N, C-alpha and C. Protein backbone atom coordinates (compact mmCIF):
# COMPACT_ATOMS: atom_id res chain seq x y z
N MET A 1 82.87 -58.77 97.25
CA MET A 1 83.37 -60.01 97.26
C MET A 1 82.55 -60.80 98.14
N PRO A 2 82.21 -62.12 97.73
CA PRO A 2 81.25 -63.22 98.58
C PRO A 2 82.24 -63.55 100.01
N LYS A 3 81.27 -63.64 100.93
CA LYS A 3 81.82 -63.70 102.31
C LYS A 3 82.04 -65.34 102.34
N ILE A 4 83.01 -65.82 102.98
CA ILE A 4 82.75 -67.21 103.26
C ILE A 4 83.21 -67.42 104.66
N LYS A 5 83.22 -68.64 105.18
CA LYS A 5 83.16 -69.08 106.73
C LYS A 5 83.94 -70.36 106.74
N MET A 6 84.76 -70.31 107.62
CA MET A 6 85.86 -71.58 107.79
C MET A 6 85.16 -72.61 108.61
N ILE A 7 84.92 -73.71 108.35
CA ILE A 7 84.29 -74.79 109.01
C ILE A 7 85.11 -76.00 109.16
N CYS A 8 84.89 -76.87 110.33
CA CYS A 8 85.47 -77.96 110.50
C CYS A 8 85.21 -79.11 109.44
N PRO A 9 86.53 -79.69 109.05
CA PRO A 9 86.07 -80.78 108.08
C PRO A 9 85.72 -81.99 108.84
N TYR A 10 85.72 -82.07 110.06
CA TYR A 10 85.14 -83.30 110.69
C TYR A 10 83.55 -83.15 111.03
N CYS A 11 83.25 -81.99 111.51
CA CYS A 11 81.91 -81.95 112.32
C CYS A 11 81.25 -80.71 111.48
N GLY A 12 81.80 -79.94 110.58
CA GLY A 12 81.06 -78.96 109.91
C GLY A 12 80.73 -77.73 110.75
N SER A 13 81.28 -77.56 112.02
CA SER A 13 81.07 -76.28 112.93
C SER A 13 82.01 -75.35 112.40
N ASP A 14 81.32 -73.87 112.43
CA ASP A 14 82.30 -72.94 112.20
C ASP A 14 82.81 -72.32 113.33
N ASP A 15 82.87 -72.92 114.52
CA ASP A 15 83.67 -72.62 116.01
C ASP A 15 85.16 -72.86 115.90
N VAL A 16 85.78 -72.33 115.30
CA VAL A 16 87.17 -72.94 114.71
C VAL A 16 88.41 -71.73 115.23
N THR A 17 89.41 -72.27 115.34
CA THR A 17 90.42 -71.22 115.84
C THR A 17 91.69 -71.84 115.04
N ARG A 18 92.71 -70.82 114.85
CA ARG A 18 94.07 -70.89 114.51
C ARG A 18 94.99 -70.06 115.30
N ASP A 19 96.01 -70.49 115.99
CA ASP A 19 97.26 -69.72 116.45
C ASP A 19 97.84 -68.82 115.47
N ALA A 20 98.23 -67.88 116.06
CA ALA A 20 99.05 -66.89 115.25
C ALA A 20 99.72 -65.96 116.15
N LEU A 21 100.82 -65.28 115.36
CA LEU A 21 101.64 -64.44 116.14
C LEU A 21 101.10 -62.95 115.95
N ALA A 22 101.37 -62.10 117.01
CA ALA A 22 100.55 -60.68 116.75
C ALA A 22 101.92 -59.79 117.08
N ARG A 23 102.06 -58.86 116.56
CA ARG A 23 103.16 -57.62 116.86
C ARG A 23 102.24 -56.44 117.22
N TRP A 24 102.81 -55.81 118.39
CA TRP A 24 102.13 -54.63 118.80
C TRP A 24 102.55 -53.40 117.58
N SER A 25 101.43 -52.84 117.24
CA SER A 25 101.51 -51.63 116.46
C SER A 25 101.84 -50.25 117.12
N MET A 26 102.91 -49.51 117.29
CA MET A 26 102.65 -48.07 118.06
C MET A 26 101.98 -47.20 117.56
N PRO A 27 101.96 -47.01 116.15
CA PRO A 27 101.25 -45.91 115.34
C PRO A 27 99.63 -46.27 115.48
N LYS A 28 99.40 -47.52 115.45
CA LYS A 28 97.93 -47.90 115.65
C LYS A 28 97.36 -48.35 116.81
N GLN A 29 98.16 -48.59 117.80
CA GLN A 29 98.02 -48.79 119.01
C GLN A 29 97.15 -50.07 119.35
N LYS A 30 97.22 -50.94 118.69
CA LYS A 30 96.72 -52.46 118.69
C LYS A 30 97.64 -53.29 117.99
N TRP A 31 97.04 -54.61 118.43
CA TRP A 31 97.89 -55.81 118.27
C TRP A 31 97.55 -56.20 116.68
N GLU A 32 98.47 -56.57 115.80
CA GLU A 32 98.19 -56.89 114.52
C GLU A 32 99.02 -58.26 114.18
N VAL A 33 98.12 -59.16 113.46
CA VAL A 33 98.77 -60.53 113.12
C VAL A 33 99.73 -60.29 112.17
N SER A 34 100.82 -60.82 112.66
CA SER A 34 102.14 -60.93 111.90
C SER A 34 102.46 -62.28 111.09
N SER A 35 102.00 -63.12 111.67
CA SER A 35 101.85 -64.68 110.96
C SER A 35 101.16 -65.49 111.58
N GLU A 36 100.52 -66.39 110.50
CA GLU A 36 99.79 -67.47 110.93
C GLU A 36 100.57 -68.82 111.35
N LEU A 37 100.08 -69.58 112.41
CA LEU A 37 100.82 -70.67 112.63
C LEU A 37 100.04 -71.87 112.14
N ASP A 38 100.59 -73.23 112.33
CA ASP A 38 100.01 -74.33 111.66
C ASP A 38 99.02 -74.78 112.55
N THR A 39 99.05 -74.61 113.85
CA THR A 39 97.97 -75.05 114.54
C THR A 39 96.73 -74.82 114.42
N MET A 40 95.52 -75.45 114.26
CA MET A 40 94.09 -75.09 113.84
C MET A 40 93.59 -76.29 114.50
N GLN A 41 92.22 -75.68 115.18
CA GLN A 41 91.38 -76.76 116.13
C GLN A 41 90.09 -76.21 115.95
N CYS A 42 89.03 -77.17 116.19
CA CYS A 42 87.60 -77.10 116.07
C CYS A 42 87.23 -77.06 117.62
N GLU A 43 86.67 -75.92 117.84
CA GLU A 43 86.14 -75.78 119.58
C GLU A 43 85.17 -76.53 119.68
N ALA A 44 84.29 -76.79 118.82
CA ALA A 44 82.92 -77.75 119.05
C ALA A 44 83.31 -78.93 119.36
N CYS A 45 84.22 -79.76 118.20
CA CYS A 45 84.60 -81.09 118.41
C CYS A 45 85.65 -81.35 119.20
N GLY A 46 86.70 -80.54 119.39
CA GLY A 46 87.84 -80.59 120.01
C GLY A 46 89.05 -81.33 119.24
N ARG A 47 88.80 -81.32 117.75
CA ARG A 47 89.88 -81.95 117.02
C ARG A 47 90.87 -81.02 116.71
N GLU A 48 92.11 -81.64 116.68
CA GLU A 48 93.05 -80.71 115.94
C GLU A 48 93.03 -80.93 114.40
N ILE A 49 93.20 -79.86 113.67
CA ILE A 49 92.86 -79.74 112.16
C ILE A 49 94.20 -80.04 111.42
N GLY A 50 94.33 -80.92 110.67
CA GLY A 50 95.75 -81.19 109.85
C GLY A 50 96.14 -80.09 108.77
N PRO A 51 97.16 -80.44 108.08
CA PRO A 51 97.62 -79.54 107.41
C PRO A 51 96.82 -79.12 106.13
N ASP A 52 95.78 -79.93 105.88
CA ASP A 52 94.79 -79.55 104.95
C ASP A 52 93.84 -78.40 105.63
N GLY A 53 93.87 -77.97 106.55
CA GLY A 53 93.02 -76.98 107.06
C GLY A 53 91.48 -76.94 106.89
N PHE A 54 90.82 -76.04 107.32
CA PHE A 54 89.40 -75.94 107.20
C PHE A 54 89.01 -75.98 105.91
N ASP A 55 87.48 -76.50 105.76
CA ASP A 55 86.85 -76.21 104.85
C ASP A 55 86.01 -74.75 104.80
N THR A 56 85.79 -74.50 103.63
CA THR A 56 84.92 -73.30 103.35
C THR A 56 83.46 -73.51 103.07
N ALA A 57 82.86 -72.51 103.33
CA ALA A 57 81.67 -72.50 102.80
C ALA A 57 81.09 -71.24 102.62
N PRO A 58 80.28 -70.87 101.78
CA PRO A 58 79.71 -69.47 101.25
C PRO A 58 78.79 -69.07 102.52
N VAL A 59 78.62 -67.61 102.61
CA VAL A 59 77.96 -67.08 103.82
C VAL A 59 76.83 -66.34 102.91
N GLU A 60 75.51 -66.56 103.08
CA GLU A 60 74.42 -65.97 102.43
C GLU A 60 74.64 -64.25 102.93
N ALA A 61 74.33 -63.45 101.90
CA ALA A 61 74.39 -62.07 102.26
C ALA A 61 73.06 -61.70 103.15
N ASP A 62 72.97 -60.72 103.96
CA ASP A 62 71.69 -60.47 104.57
C ASP A 62 71.73 -59.14 104.28
N THR A 63 70.40 -58.54 104.64
CA THR A 63 70.37 -57.20 104.26
C THR A 63 71.07 -56.01 104.77
N ARG A 64 71.71 -56.27 105.93
CA ARG A 64 72.73 -55.40 106.40
C ARG A 64 73.80 -55.35 105.47
N ASP A 65 74.40 -56.52 105.10
CA ASP A 65 75.40 -56.62 104.23
C ASP A 65 75.06 -55.80 102.88
N VAL A 66 73.91 -55.77 102.19
CA VAL A 66 73.32 -55.27 100.90
C VAL A 66 73.49 -53.81 101.34
N GLY A 67 72.81 -53.37 102.26
CA GLY A 67 72.81 -51.99 102.73
C GLY A 67 74.26 -51.19 102.90
N LEU A 68 75.10 -52.07 103.50
CA LEU A 68 76.60 -51.33 103.74
C LEU A 68 77.15 -51.48 101.85
N ALA A 69 77.00 -52.38 101.25
CA ALA A 69 77.40 -52.20 100.12
C ALA A 69 76.92 -51.21 99.09
N VAL A 70 75.60 -50.85 99.38
CA VAL A 70 74.91 -49.91 98.52
C VAL A 70 75.64 -48.57 98.85
N ARG A 71 75.93 -48.58 100.20
CA ARG A 71 76.40 -47.10 100.82
C ARG A 71 77.56 -47.03 100.22
N ASP A 72 78.56 -48.21 100.26
CA ASP A 72 79.98 -47.92 99.56
C ASP A 72 79.76 -47.42 98.12
N PHE A 73 78.87 -48.09 97.47
CA PHE A 73 78.79 -47.83 96.00
C PHE A 73 78.27 -46.31 95.90
N LEU A 74 77.51 -45.81 96.63
CA LEU A 74 76.98 -44.42 96.61
C LEU A 74 77.58 -43.44 97.08
N GLU A 75 78.71 -43.78 97.90
CA GLU A 75 79.58 -42.59 98.43
C GLU A 75 80.30 -42.02 97.27
N GLY A 76 80.28 -40.53 97.41
CA GLY A 76 80.99 -39.82 96.27
C GLY A 76 80.43 -39.78 94.81
N ARG A 77 79.32 -40.26 94.79
CA ARG A 77 78.59 -40.55 93.51
C ARG A 77 77.76 -39.27 93.17
N THR A 78 77.25 -38.96 92.02
CA THR A 78 76.44 -37.87 91.72
C THR A 78 75.33 -38.74 91.12
N LEU A 79 74.18 -38.19 91.23
CA LEU A 79 73.00 -38.74 91.06
C LEU A 79 72.31 -37.82 90.02
N SER A 80 71.37 -38.40 89.13
CA SER A 80 70.89 -37.57 88.02
C SER A 80 69.53 -37.75 88.29
N ILE A 81 68.77 -36.83 88.81
CA ILE A 81 67.35 -36.78 89.30
C ILE A 81 66.60 -36.62 87.97
N HIS A 82 65.40 -37.38 87.70
CA HIS A 82 64.52 -37.36 86.68
C HIS A 82 62.89 -37.02 87.35
N GLN A 83 62.48 -36.32 86.16
CA GLN A 83 60.75 -36.36 86.62
C GLN A 83 60.16 -36.72 85.49
N GLU A 84 59.02 -37.32 85.84
CA GLU A 84 58.23 -38.05 84.76
C GLU A 84 57.63 -36.87 83.88
N ASN A 85 57.60 -37.06 82.61
CA ASN A 85 57.13 -36.42 81.74
C ASN A 85 55.61 -36.80 81.36
N GLU A 86 54.51 -35.90 81.68
CA GLU A 86 53.11 -36.16 81.83
C GLU A 86 52.60 -36.78 80.41
N ASP A 87 53.15 -36.26 79.24
CA ASP A 87 52.74 -36.34 77.93
C ASP A 87 52.99 -37.73 77.50
N GLU A 88 54.36 -38.29 77.92
CA GLU A 88 54.74 -39.53 77.31
C GLU A 88 54.89 -40.74 78.34
N GLY A 89 54.92 -40.01 79.54
CA GLY A 89 55.20 -40.97 80.79
C GLY A 89 56.50 -41.68 80.70
N THR A 90 57.38 -40.93 80.06
CA THR A 90 58.95 -41.13 80.22
C THR A 90 59.64 -40.10 81.17
N LEU A 91 60.98 -40.43 81.66
CA LEU A 91 61.46 -39.63 82.67
C LEU A 91 62.22 -38.80 81.87
N VAL A 92 62.35 -37.51 82.48
CA VAL A 92 63.19 -36.54 81.87
C VAL A 92 64.10 -36.05 82.67
N PRO A 93 65.71 -35.68 82.64
CA PRO A 93 66.73 -35.77 83.61
C PRO A 93 66.31 -34.01 83.97
N VAL A 94 66.08 -33.57 85.17
CA VAL A 94 65.80 -32.35 85.63
C VAL A 94 67.12 -31.53 86.25
N ALA A 95 68.10 -32.61 87.02
CA ALA A 95 69.19 -31.96 87.81
C ALA A 95 69.93 -33.13 88.15
N ASP A 96 71.22 -32.87 88.31
CA ASP A 96 72.17 -33.80 88.97
C ASP A 96 72.63 -33.33 90.56
N ALA A 97 72.81 -34.02 91.43
CA ALA A 97 72.94 -33.86 92.71
C ALA A 97 74.09 -34.82 93.05
N ALA A 98 74.98 -34.40 94.04
CA ALA A 98 76.02 -35.08 94.38
C ALA A 98 75.66 -35.66 96.02
N VAL A 99 76.12 -36.91 96.07
CA VAL A 99 75.86 -37.38 97.36
C VAL A 99 76.76 -36.80 98.35
N ASP A 100 75.93 -36.23 99.40
CA ASP A 100 76.72 -35.35 100.32
C ASP A 100 76.99 -36.19 101.57
N SER A 101 76.17 -37.19 102.17
CA SER A 101 76.41 -37.78 103.07
C SER A 101 75.58 -39.02 103.25
N ILE A 102 75.73 -40.25 103.97
CA ILE A 102 74.86 -41.38 103.96
C ILE A 102 75.02 -41.79 105.27
N ASP A 103 73.79 -41.72 106.19
CA ASP A 103 73.79 -42.25 107.49
C ASP A 103 73.36 -43.83 107.29
N ALA A 104 74.29 -44.38 107.85
CA ALA A 104 74.24 -46.03 107.69
C ALA A 104 74.52 -46.62 109.12
N SER A 105 73.72 -46.01 110.26
CA SER A 105 73.64 -46.16 111.46
C SER A 105 72.64 -47.50 111.42
N ASP A 106 71.63 -47.37 110.66
CA ASP A 106 70.72 -48.38 110.55
C ASP A 106 70.86 -49.12 108.90
N PRO A 107 71.84 -50.02 108.64
CA PRO A 107 72.18 -50.45 107.40
C PRO A 107 71.03 -50.76 106.33
N ASN A 108 69.88 -51.16 107.21
CA ASN A 108 68.57 -51.38 106.23
C ASN A 108 67.62 -50.52 106.04
N ASN A 109 67.99 -49.02 106.71
CA ASN A 109 67.31 -47.89 106.17
C ASN A 109 68.64 -46.80 106.04
N LEU A 110 69.15 -46.68 104.81
CA LEU A 110 70.09 -45.75 104.70
C LEU A 110 69.36 -44.28 104.46
N ILE A 111 70.11 -43.49 105.17
CA ILE A 111 69.42 -42.02 104.99
C ILE A 111 70.58 -41.45 103.90
N VAL A 112 70.10 -41.03 102.85
CA VAL A 112 71.01 -40.41 101.87
C VAL A 112 70.74 -38.61 101.70
N ALA A 113 71.96 -38.07 101.87
CA ALA A 113 71.69 -36.43 101.80
C ALA A 113 72.41 -36.24 100.53
N LEU A 114 71.63 -35.36 99.84
CA LEU A 114 72.04 -34.73 98.40
C LEU A 114 72.94 -33.09 98.66
N ASP A 115 73.74 -32.81 97.74
CA ASP A 115 74.14 -31.65 98.05
C ASP A 115 73.26 -30.27 97.70
N ASN A 116 72.27 -30.83 97.17
CA ASN A 116 70.79 -29.76 96.85
C ASN A 116 69.94 -29.71 98.15
N GLY A 117 70.43 -30.29 99.28
CA GLY A 117 69.40 -30.33 100.33
C GLY A 117 68.27 -31.32 100.35
N GLN A 118 68.04 -32.41 99.17
CA GLN A 118 67.26 -33.28 99.50
C GLN A 118 67.85 -34.45 99.99
N ARG A 119 66.81 -35.23 100.74
CA ARG A 119 67.10 -36.25 101.30
C ARG A 119 66.26 -37.42 101.09
N PHE A 120 66.55 -38.87 101.15
CA PHE A 120 65.70 -39.57 100.97
C PHE A 120 66.31 -40.99 102.01
N THR A 121 65.05 -42.03 102.07
CA THR A 121 65.61 -43.33 102.95
C THR A 121 65.72 -44.29 101.97
N LEU A 122 66.76 -44.82 101.93
CA LEU A 122 66.65 -46.12 101.19
C LEU A 122 66.66 -47.31 101.75
N ARG A 123 65.33 -48.15 101.80
CA ARG A 123 65.13 -49.42 102.43
C ARG A 123 65.50 -50.68 101.66
N VAL A 124 66.45 -51.35 102.61
CA VAL A 124 66.76 -52.54 101.99
C VAL A 124 65.97 -53.72 102.53
N VAL A 125 65.27 -54.37 101.78
CA VAL A 125 64.40 -55.47 102.24
C VAL A 125 64.76 -56.72 101.69
N ALA A 126 64.59 -57.98 102.26
CA ALA A 126 64.78 -59.54 102.05
C ALA A 126 63.65 -59.56 100.73
N GLY A 127 64.10 -60.23 99.73
CA GLY A 127 63.03 -61.02 98.90
C GLY A 127 63.29 -62.36 98.61
N THR A 128 62.44 -63.05 97.80
CA THR A 128 62.33 -64.30 97.53
C THR A 128 62.71 -64.53 96.23
């Protein structure tokens, strides 16, 4: 799902706030928003935002977002491993391997480990 940001309809800043009520969750041990209030404000220009609320603007995906989306897509999948056929230059399936784990500590360089012991790095680069 594409990301959006809330922006002030007066100055265009995304430094905006909204008042909310929160309840303490004993099981999760953290505050959770239980309801949003009508009070909205732009911290950049100091204006209170009326009942129409904030405007929205799309947020361009960056390589980190793409890397995390690829990780989510690959988790739990089985990959078909192919080898190039020297006679015809086509790819021939030789085995299947399940994705065992994905190290996304650097989302631009995912390290994928397969259940057959193979590992590879999937690099995510920006293009034009």
